[in-house]
PDB file of N, CA and C in Angstrom:
ATOM      1  N   MET A   1     -77.809  27.347 -10.445  1.00  0.00           N
ATOM      2  CA  MET A   1     -77.154  28.588 -10.231  1.00  0.00           C
ATOM      3  C   MET A   1     -76.144  28.361  -9.092  1.00  0.00           C
ATOM      4  N   LEU A   2     -76.523  27.787  -7.987  1.00  0.00           N
ATOM      5  CA  LEU A   2     -75.648  27.616  -6.865  1.00  0.00           C
ATOM      6  C   LEU A   2     -74.381  26.776  -7.244  1.00  0.00           C
ATOM      7  N   ASP A   3     -74.569  25.845  -8.162  1.00  0.00           N
ATOM      8  CA  ASP A   3     -73.420  25.017  -8.704  1.00  0.00           C
ATOM      9  C   ASP A   3     -72.352  25.982  -9.320  1.00  0.00           C
ATOM     10  N   ARG A   4     -72.873  26.832 -10.107  1.00  0.00           N
ATOM     11  CA  ARG A   4     -71.882  27.863 -10.769  1.00  0.00           C
ATOM     12  C   ARG A   4     -71.154  28.701  -9.737  1.00  0.00           C
ATOM     13  N   VAL A   5     -71.948  29.204  -8.745  1.00  0.00           N
ATOM     14  CA  VAL A   5     -71.380  30.033  -7.672  1.00  0.00           C
ATOM     15  C   VAL A   5     -70.359  29.239  -6.949  1.00  0.00           C
ATOM     16  N   GLU A   6     -70.585  28.053  -6.542  1.00  0.00           N
ATOM     17  CA  GLU A   6     -69.656  27.213  -5.808  1.00  0.00           C
ATOM     18  C   GLU A   6     -68.406  26.948  -6.696  1.00  0.00           C
ATOM     19  N   ALA A   7     -68.601  26.721  -7.912  1.00  0.00           N
ATOM     20  CA  ALA A   7     -67.463  26.396  -8.756  1.00  0.00           C
ATOM     21  C   ALA A   7     -66.543  27.659  -8.950  1.00  0.00           C
ATOM     22  N   ALA A   8     -67.079  28.820  -8.927  1.00  0.00           N
ATOM     23  CA  ALA A   8     -66.303  30.010  -9.044  1.00  0.00           C
ATOM     24  C   ALA A   8     -65.760  30.571  -7.782  1.00  0.00           C
ATOM     25  N   LEU A   9     -66.568  30.530  -6.727  1.00  0.00           N
ATOM     26  CA  LEU A   9     -66.239  31.200  -5.463  1.00  0.00           C
ATOM     27  C   LEU A   9     -66.213  30.382  -4.206  1.00  0.00           C
ATOM     28  N   GLY A  10     -66.612  29.160  -4.286  1.00  0.00           N
ATOM     29  CA  GLY A  10     -66.742  28.295  -3.114  1.00  0.00           C
ATOM     30  C   GLY A  10     -68.205  28.453  -2.612  1.00  0.00           C
ATOM     31  N   THR A  11     -68.445  27.736  -1.520  1.00  0.00           N
ATOM     32  CA  THR A  11     -69.896  27.733  -0.968  1.00  0.00           C
ATOM     33  C   THR A  11     -70.102  29.049  -0.331  1.00  0.00           C
ATOM     34  N   PRO A  12     -71.223  29.777  -0.751  1.00  0.00           N
ATOM     35  CA  PRO A  12     -71.502  31.106  -0.214  1.00  0.00           C
ATOM     36  C   PRO A  12     -72.026  31.027   1.194  1.00  0.00           C
ATOM     37  N   SER A  13     -71.851  32.042   2.006  1.00  0.00           N
ATOM     38  CA  SER A  13     -72.424  32.207   3.293  1.00  0.00           C
ATOM     39  C   SER A  13     -73.449  33.236   3.344  1.00  0.00           C
ATOM     40  N   ARG A  14     -73.662  33.887   2.208  1.00  0.00           N
ATOM     41  CA  ARG A  14     -74.725  34.964   2.158  1.00  0.00           C
ATOM     42  C   ARG A  14     -75.578  34.753   0.929  1.00  0.00           C
ATOM     43  N   LEU A  15     -76.876  35.067   1.065  1.00  0.00           N
ATOM     44  CA  LEU A  15     -77.841  34.954  -0.006  1.00  0.00           C
ATOM     45  C   LEU A  15     -78.659  36.202  -0.022  1.00  0.00           C
ATOM     46  N   ILE A  16     -78.651  36.946  -1.128  1.00  0.00           N
ATOM     47  CA  ILE A  16     -79.571  38.080  -1.347  1.00  0.00           C
ATOM     48  C   ILE A  16     -80.510  37.682  -2.310  1.00  0.00           C
ATOM     49  N   ASN A  17     -81.777  37.607  -1.842  1.00  0.00           N
ATOM     50  CA  ASN A  17     -82.865  37.114  -2.758  1.00  0.00           C
ATOM     51  C   ASN A  17     -83.765  38.214  -3.143  1.00  0.00           C
ATOM     52  N   ASN A  18     -83.819  38.498  -4.365  1.00  0.00           N
ATOM     53  CA  ASN A  18     -84.592  39.669  -4.937  1.00  0.00           C
ATOM     54  C   ASN A  18     -85.506  39.163  -6.033  1.00  0.00           C
ATOM     55  N   ALA A  19     -86.176  38.079  -5.894  1.00  0.00           N
ATOM     56  CA  ALA A  19     -87.083  37.535  -6.942  1.00  0.00           C
ATOM     57  C   ALA A  19     -88.285  38.432  -6.935  1.00  0.00           C
ATOM     58  N   THR A  20     -88.641  38.996  -8.128  1.00  0.00           N
ATOM     59  CA  THR A  20     -89.815  39.807  -8.146  1.00  0.00           C
ATOM     60  C   THR A  20     -90.505  39.518  -9.549  1.00  0.00           C
ATOM     61  N   TYR A  21     -91.758  39.093  -9.527  1.00  0.00           N
ATOM     62  CA  TYR A  21     -92.534  38.990 -10.726  1.00  0.00           C
ATOM     63  C   TYR A  21     -93.852  39.702 -10.463  1.00  0.00           C
ATOM     64  N   GLU A  22     -94.111  40.742 -11.238  1.00  0.00           N
ATOM     65  CA  GLU A  22     -95.295  41.591 -11.031  1.00  0.00           C
ATOM     66  C   GLU A  22     -95.904  42.045 -12.379  1.00  0.00           C
ATOM     67  N   ARG A  23     -97.155  41.970 -12.500  1.00  0.00           N
ATOM     68  CA  ARG A  23     -97.836  42.464 -13.669  1.00  0.00           C
ATOM     69  C   ARG A  23     -99.071  43.284 -13.243  1.00  0.00           C
ATOM     70  N   HIS A  24     -99.278  44.381 -13.888  1.00  0.00           N
ATOM     71  CA  HIS A  24    -100.424  45.188 -13.579  1.00  0.00           C
ATOM     72  C   HIS A  24    -101.666  44.527 -14.194  1.00  0.00           C
ATOM     73  N   VAL A  25    -102.654  44.277 -13.405  1.00  0.00           N
ATOM     74  CA  VAL A  25    -103.869  43.604 -13.919  1.00  0.00           C
ATOM     75  C   VAL A  25    -105.067  44.295 -13.321  1.00  0.00           C
ATOM     76  N   SER A  26    -106.205  44.165 -13.905  1.00  0.00           N
ATOM     77  CA  SER A  26    -107.469  44.586 -13.336  1.00  0.00           C
ATOM     78  C   SER A  26    -108.445  43.460 -13.301  1.00  0.00           C
ATOM     79  N   VAL A  27    -109.603  43.610 -12.954  1.00  0.00           N
ATOM     80  CA  VAL A  27    -110.527  42.511 -12.985  1.00  0.00           C
ATOM     81  C   VAL A  27    -110.876  42.114 -14.422  1.00  0.00           C
ATOM     82  N   ASP A  28    -110.584  43.112 -15.356  1.00  0.00           N
ATOM     83  CA  ASP A  28    -110.878  42.835 -16.814  1.00  0.00           C
ATOM     84  C   ASP A  28    -109.671  42.108 -17.497  1.00  0.00           C
ATOM     85  N   THR A  29    -108.454  42.224 -16.920  1.00  0.00           N
ATOM     86  CA  THR A  29    -107.347  41.665 -17.621  1.00  0.00           C
ATOM     87  C   THR A  29    -106.615  40.520 -16.794  1.00  0.00           C
ATOM     88  N   PHE A  30    -107.193  40.182 -15.633  1.00  0.00           N
ATOM     89  CA  PHE A  30    -106.690  39.125 -14.852  1.00  0.00           C
ATOM     90  C   PHE A  30    -106.745  37.783 -15.527  1.00  0.00           C
ATOM     91  N   ALA A  31    -105.699  37.033 -15.493  1.00  0.00           N
ATOM     92  CA  ALA A  31    -105.699  35.671 -15.993  1.00  0.00           C
ATOM     93  C   ALA A  31    -104.999  34.730 -15.023  1.00  0.00           C
ATOM     94  N   THR A  32    -105.441  33.496 -14.901  1.00  0.00           N
ATOM     95  CA  THR A  32    -104.883  32.572 -14.048  1.00  0.00           C
ATOM     96  C   THR A  32    -103.428  32.400 -14.178  1.00  0.00           C
ATOM     97  N   GLU A  33    -102.908  32.395 -15.447  1.00  0.00           N
ATOM     98  CA  GLU A  33    -101.510  32.282 -15.733  1.00  0.00           C
ATOM     99  C   GLU A  33    -100.683  33.357 -15.100  1.00  0.00           C
ATOM    100  N   ILE A  34    -101.123  34.464 -14.990  1.00  0.00           N
ATOM    101  CA  ILE A  34    -100.415  35.599 -14.292  1.00  0.00           C
ATOM    102  C   ILE A  34    -100.293  35.221 -12.796  1.00  0.00           C
ATOM    103  N   LEU A  35    -101.248  34.699 -12.185  1.00  0.00           N
ATOM    104  CA  LEU A  35    -101.129  34.335 -10.741  1.00  0.00           C
ATOM    105  C   LEU A  35    -100.218  33.173 -10.640  1.00  0.00           C
ATOM    106  N   ARG A  36    -100.212  32.189 -11.595  1.00  0.00           N
ATOM    107  CA  ARG A  36     -99.317  31.110 -11.490  1.00  0.00           C
ATOM    108  C   ARG A  36     -97.855  31.551 -11.664  1.00  0.00           C
ATOM    109  N   ARG A  37     -97.537  32.493 -12.593  1.00  0.00           N
ATOM    110  CA  ARG A  37     -96.182  32.987 -12.691  1.00  0.00           C
ATOM    111  C   ARG A  37     -95.722  33.778 -11.415  1.00  0.00           C
ATOM    112  N   HIS A  38     -96.640  34.485 -10.929  1.00  0.00           N
ATOM    113  CA  HIS A  38     -96.338  35.324  -9.656  1.00  0.00           C
ATOM    114  C   HIS A  38     -95.942  34.383  -8.578  1.00  0.00           C
ATOM    115  N   TYR A  39     -96.724  33.274  -8.364  1.00  0.00           N
ATOM    116  CA  TYR A  39     -96.450  32.364  -7.358  1.00  0.00           C
ATOM    117  C   TYR A  39     -95.185  31.552  -7.577  1.00  0.00           C
ATOM    118  N   LEU A  40     -94.969  31.155  -8.830  1.00  0.00           N
ATOM    119  CA  LEU A  40     -93.800  30.418  -9.193  1.00  0.00           C
ATOM    120  C   LEU A  40     -92.480  31.115  -8.861  1.00  0.00           C
ATOM    121  N   VAL A  41     -92.410  32.325  -9.239  1.00  0.00           N
ATOM    122  CA  VAL A  41     -91.199  33.180  -9.068  1.00  0.00           C
ATOM    123  C   VAL A  41     -91.115  33.691  -7.582  1.00  0.00           C
ATOM    124  N   ASN A  42     -92.159  34.341  -7.128  1.00  0.00           N
ATOM    125  CA  ASN A  42     -92.076  35.018  -5.780  1.00  0.00           C
ATOM    126  C   ASN A  42     -92.122  34.030  -4.689  1.00  0.00           C
ATOM    127  N   ASN A  43     -92.755  32.844  -4.736  1.00  0.00           N
ATOM    128  CA  ASN A  43     -92.908  31.999  -3.687  1.00  0.00           C
ATOM    129  C   ASN A  43     -92.060  30.752  -3.899  1.00  0.00           C
ATOM    130  N   GLU A  44     -92.379  29.941  -4.842  1.00  0.00           N
ATOM    131  CA  GLU A  44     -91.687  28.634  -5.082  1.00  0.00           C
ATOM    132  C   GLU A  44     -90.262  28.875  -5.408  1.00  0.00           C
ATOM    133  N   GLY A  45     -89.917  29.811  -6.330  1.00  0.00           N
ATOM    134  CA  GLY A  45     -88.520  30.080  -6.644  1.00  0.00           C
ATOM    135  C   GLY A  45     -87.716  30.592  -5.464  1.00  0.00           C
ATOM    136  N   THR A  46     -88.273  31.480  -4.691  1.00  0.00           N
ATOM    137  CA  THR A  46     -87.587  32.105  -3.546  1.00  0.00           C
ATOM    138  C   THR A  46     -87.377  31.038  -2.473  1.00  0.00           C
ATOM    139  N   LEU A  47     -88.358  30.173  -2.114  1.00  0.00           N
ATOM    140  CA  LEU A  47     -88.169  29.196  -1.116  1.00  0.00           C
ATOM    141  C   LEU A  47     -87.256  28.044  -1.632  1.00  0.00           C
ATOM    142  N   GLY A  48     -87.362  27.635  -2.830  1.00  0.00           N
ATOM    143  CA  GLY A  48     -86.472  26.661  -3.396  1.00  0.00           C
ATOM    144  C   GLY A  48     -85.033  27.014  -3.281  1.00  0.00           C
ATOM    145  N   LEU A  49     -84.731  28.251  -3.760  1.00  0.00           N
ATOM    146  CA  LEU A  49     -83.307  28.650  -3.655  1.00  0.00           C
ATOM    147  C   LEU A  49     -82.860  28.833  -2.222  1.00  0.00           C
ATOM    148  N   THR A  50     -83.732  29.296  -1.364  1.00  0.00           N
ATOM    149  CA  THR A  50     -83.376  29.483   0.077  1.00  0.00           C
ATOM    150  C   THR A  50     -83.053  28.106   0.658  1.00  0.00           C
ATOM    151  N   PHE A  51     -83.854  27.169   0.473  1.00  0.00           N
ATOM    152  CA  PHE A  51     -83.580  25.853   1.165  1.00  0.00           C
ATOM    153  C   PHE A  51     -82.309  25.177   0.487  1.00  0.00           C
ATOM    154  N   ALA A  52     -82.144  25.294  -0.815  1.00  0.00           N
ATOM    155  CA  ALA A  52     -80.965  24.775  -1.412  1.00  0.00           C
ATOM    156  C   ALA A  52     -79.698  25.458  -0.780  1.00  0.00           C
ATOM    157  N   PHE A  53     -79.788  26.819  -0.649  1.00  0.00           N
ATOM    158  CA  PHE A  53     -78.688  27.532  -0.071  1.00  0.00           C
ATOM    159  C   PHE A  53     -78.395  27.013   1.330  1.00  0.00           C
ATOM    160  N   ILE A  54     -79.433  26.899   2.188  1.00  0.00           N
ATOM    161  CA  ILE A  54     -79.262  26.434   3.538  1.00  0.00           C
ATOM    162  C   ILE A  54     -78.630  25.022   3.639  1.00  0.00           C
ATOM    163  N   GLU A  55     -79.071  24.135   2.779  1.00  0.00           N
ATOM    164  CA  GLU A  55     -78.561  22.834   2.705  1.00  0.00           C
ATOM    165  C   GLU A  55     -76.961  22.865   2.498  1.00  0.00           C
ATOM    166  N   ARG A  56     -76.525  23.581   1.432  1.00  0.00           N
ATOM    167  CA  ARG A  56     -75.092  23.751   1.001  1.00  0.00           C
ATOM    168  C   ARG A  56     -74.390  24.468   2.146  1.00  0.00           C
ATOM    169  N   TYR A  57     -74.978  25.493   2.767  1.00  0.00           N
ATOM    170  CA  TYR A  57     -74.404  26.203   3.879  1.00  0.00           C
ATOM    171  C   TYR A  57     -73.999  25.341   4.926  1.00  0.00           C
ATOM    172  N   LYS A  58     -75.028  24.503   5.408  1.00  0.00           N
ATOM    173  CA  LYS A  58     -74.773  23.600   6.547  1.00  0.00           C
ATOM    174  C   LYS A  58     -73.732  22.599   6.196  1.00  0.00           C
ATOM    175  N   ARG A  59     -73.779  21.993   4.946  1.00  0.00           N
ATOM    176  CA  ARG A  59     -72.841  20.997   4.523  1.00  0.00           C
ATOM    177  C   ARG A  59     -71.430  21.492   4.560  1.00  0.00           C
ATOM    178  N   ALA A  60     -71.242  22.814   4.212  1.00  0.00           N
ATOM    179  CA  ALA A  60     -69.905  23.435   4.191  1.00  0.00           C
ATOM    180  C   ALA A  60     -69.406  23.772   5.596  1.00  0.00           C
ATOM    181  N   GLY A  61     -70.254  23.652   6.584  1.00  0.00           N
ATOM    182  CA  GLY A  61     -69.870  23.940   7.967  1.00  0.00           C
ATOM    183  C   GLY A  61     -69.811  25.416   8.314  1.00  0.00           C
ATOM    184  N   HIS A  62     -70.537  26.229   7.522  1.00  0.00           N
ATOM    185  CA  HIS A  62     -70.547  27.758   7.805  1.00  0.00           C
ATOM    186  C   HIS A  62     -71.399  27.961   9.122  1.00  0.00           C
ATOM    187  N   THR A  63     -71.036  28.950   9.848  1.00  0.00           N
ATOM    188  CA  THR A  63     -71.766  29.301  11.111  1.00  0.00           C
ATOM    189  C   THR A  63     -72.141  30.757  11.111  1.00  0.00           C
ATOM    190  N   ASP A  64     -71.759  31.616  10.206  1.00  0.00           N
ATOM    191  CA  ASP A  64     -72.037  33.030  10.255  1.00  0.00           C
ATOM    192  C   ASP A  64     -72.790  33.570   9.057  1.00  0.00           C
ATOM    193  N   GLY A  65     -73.736  32.864   8.538  1.00  0.00           N
ATOM    194  CA  GLY A  65     -74.392  33.196   7.324  1.00  0.00           C
ATOM    195  C   GLY A  65     -75.573  34.177   7.501  1.00  0.00           C
ATOM    196  N   ARG A  66     -75.969  34.726   6.386  1.00  0.00           N
ATOM    197  CA  ARG A  66     -77.103  35.648   6.327  1.00  0.00           C
ATOM    198  C   ARG A  66     -77.954  35.362   5.095  1.00  0.00           C
ATOM    199  N   ILE A  67     -79.278  35.570   5.239  1.00  0.00           N
ATOM    200  CA  ILE A  67     -80.229  35.524   4.099  1.00  0.00           C
ATOM    201  C   ILE A  67     -80.950  36.832   4.082  1.00  0.00           C
ATOM    202  N   LEU A  68     -80.925  37.607   3.053  1.00  0.00           N
ATOM    203  CA  LEU A  68     -81.606  38.815   2.897  1.00  0.00           C
ATOM    204  C   LEU A  68     -82.703  38.766   1.851  1.00  0.00           C
ATOM    205  N   PHE A  69     -83.889  38.966   2.246  1.00  0.00           N
ATOM    206  CA  PHE A  69     -85.015  38.980   1.280  1.00  0.00           C
ATOM    207  C   PHE A  69     -85.376  40.492   0.954  1.00  0.00           C
ATOM    208  N   MET A  70     -85.405  40.799  -0.377  1.00  0.00           N
ATOM    209  CA  MET A  70     -85.722  42.089  -0.757  1.00  0.00           C
ATOM    210  C   MET A  70     -86.913  42.113  -1.662  1.00  0.00           C
ATOM    211  N   VAL A  71     -87.674  43.191  -1.662  1.00  0.00           N
ATOM    212  CA  VAL A  71     -88.794  43.407  -2.562  1.00  0.00           C
ATOM    213  C   VAL A  71     -88.495  44.729  -3.244  1.00  0.00           C
ATOM    214  N   SER A  72     -88.548  44.683  -4.589  1.00  0.00           N
ATOM    215  CA  SER A  72     -88.233  45.900  -5.343  1.00  0.00           C
ATOM    216  C   SER A  72     -89.410  46.246  -6.265  1.00  0.00           C
ATOM    217  N   GLY A  73     -90.591  45.954  -6.036  1.00  0.00           N
ATOM    218  CA  GLY A  73     -91.682  46.192  -6.950  1.00  0.00           C
ATOM    219  C   GLY A  73     -92.285  47.615  -6.800  1.00  0.00           C
ATOM    220  N   ALA A  74     -91.672  48.403  -5.945  1.00  0.00           N
ATOM    221  CA  ALA A  74     -92.239  49.775  -5.783  1.00  0.00           C
ATOM    222  C   ALA A  74     -92.220  50.617  -7.014  1.00  0.00           C
ATOM    223  N   ARG A  75     -91.318  50.377  -7.860  1.00  0.00           N
ATOM    224  CA  ARG A  75     -91.180  51.219  -9.133  1.00  0.00           C
ATOM    225  C   ARG A  75     -92.364  50.866  -9.983  1.00  0.00           C
ATOM    226  N   MET A  76     -93.058  49.800  -9.799  1.00  0.00           N
ATOM    227  CA  MET A  76     -94.209  49.460 -10.595  1.00  0.00           C
ATOM    228  C   MET A  76     -95.417  50.262 -10.205  1.00  0.00           C
ATOM    229  N   HIS A  77     -95.374  51.007  -9.060  1.00  0.00           N
ATOM    230  CA  HIS A  77     -96.601  51.795  -8.602  1.00  0.00           C
ATOM    231  C   HIS A  77     -96.062  53.167  -8.409  1.00  0.00           C
ATOM    232  N   PRO A  78     -96.022  53.923  -9.469  1.00  0.00           N
ATOM    233  CA  PRO A  78     -95.543  55.303  -9.298  1.00  0.00           C
ATOM    234  C   PRO A  78     -96.505  56.223  -8.515  1.00  0.00           C
ATOM    235  N   THR A  79     -97.678  55.790  -8.261  1.00  0.00           N
ATOM    236  CA  THR A  79     -98.586  56.570  -7.517  1.00  0.00           C
ATOM    237  C   THR A  79     -98.485  56.363  -5.977  1.00  0.00           C
ATOM    238  N   TRP A  80     -97.654  55.393  -5.550  1.00  0.00           N
ATOM    239  CA  TRP A  80     -97.353  55.271  -4.110  1.00  0.00           C
ATOM    240  C   TRP A  80     -96.574  56.403  -3.688  1.00  0.00           C
ATOM    241  N   PRO A  81     -96.904  56.943  -2.513  1.00  0.00           N
ATOM    242  CA  PRO A  81     -96.152  58.017  -1.931  1.00  0.00           C
ATOM    243  C   PRO A  81     -94.787  57.536  -1.378  1.00  0.00           C
ATOM    244  N   ILE A  82     -93.735  57.786  -2.155  1.00  0.00           N
ATOM    245  CA  ILE A  82     -92.379  57.479  -1.757  1.00  0.00           C
ATOM    246  C   ILE A  82     -91.626  58.781  -1.519  1.00  0.00           C
ATOM    247  N   SER A  83     -91.472  59.052  -0.266  1.00  0.00           N
ATOM    248  CA  SER A  83     -90.754  60.381   0.104  1.00  0.00           C
ATOM    249  C   SER A  83     -89.974  60.060   1.354  1.00  0.00           C
ATOM    250  N   PRO A  84     -88.915  60.879   1.565  1.00  0.00           N
ATOM    251  CA  PRO A  84     -88.081  60.709   2.738  1.00  0.00           C
ATOM    252  C   PRO A  84     -88.861  61.011   3.948  1.00  0.00           C
ATOM    253  N   ARG A  85     -88.636  60.263   4.992  1.00  0.00           N
ATOM    254  CA  ARG A  85     -89.303  60.472   6.304  1.00  0.00           C
ATOM    255  C   ARG A  85     -88.781  61.817   6.905  1.00  0.00           C
ATOM    256  N   LYS A  86     -89.619  62.631   7.379  1.00  0.00           N
ATOM    257  CA  LYS A  86     -89.271  63.955   7.936  1.00  0.00           C
ATOM    258  C   LYS A  86     -88.868  63.684   9.455  1.00  0.00           C
ATOM    259  N   ALA A  87     -87.838  64.368   9.816  1.00  0.00           N
ATOM    260  CA  ALA A  87     -87.352  64.336  11.220  1.00  0.00           C
ATOM    261  C   ALA A  87     -88.437  64.928  12.121  1.00  0.00           C
ATOM    262  N   PRO A  88     -88.652  64.406  13.300  1.00  0.00           N
ATOM    263  CA  PRO A  88     -89.705  64.897  14.212  1.00  0.00           C
ATOM    264  C   PRO A  88     -89.326  66.263  14.716  1.00  0.00           C
TER     265      PRO A  88
END
């Protein structure tokens, strides 16, 4: 992926990482494969991309970069209370 970005835009100085893999399971539906996929995407994939980005960033001589990690799984839990914070 970073090869395609560099070919089109040059070496990036910003990375927005929003890798999310989530499945609803219970003790009755849990399977080890679900845990493996969760780890592969959310941990290994995120860290692999981040370290590859940092390596290219340094090689390009950038000095003002940013890495933003986001989590967007809240939509998977509609029972979570998501409401605007009230002013004191």
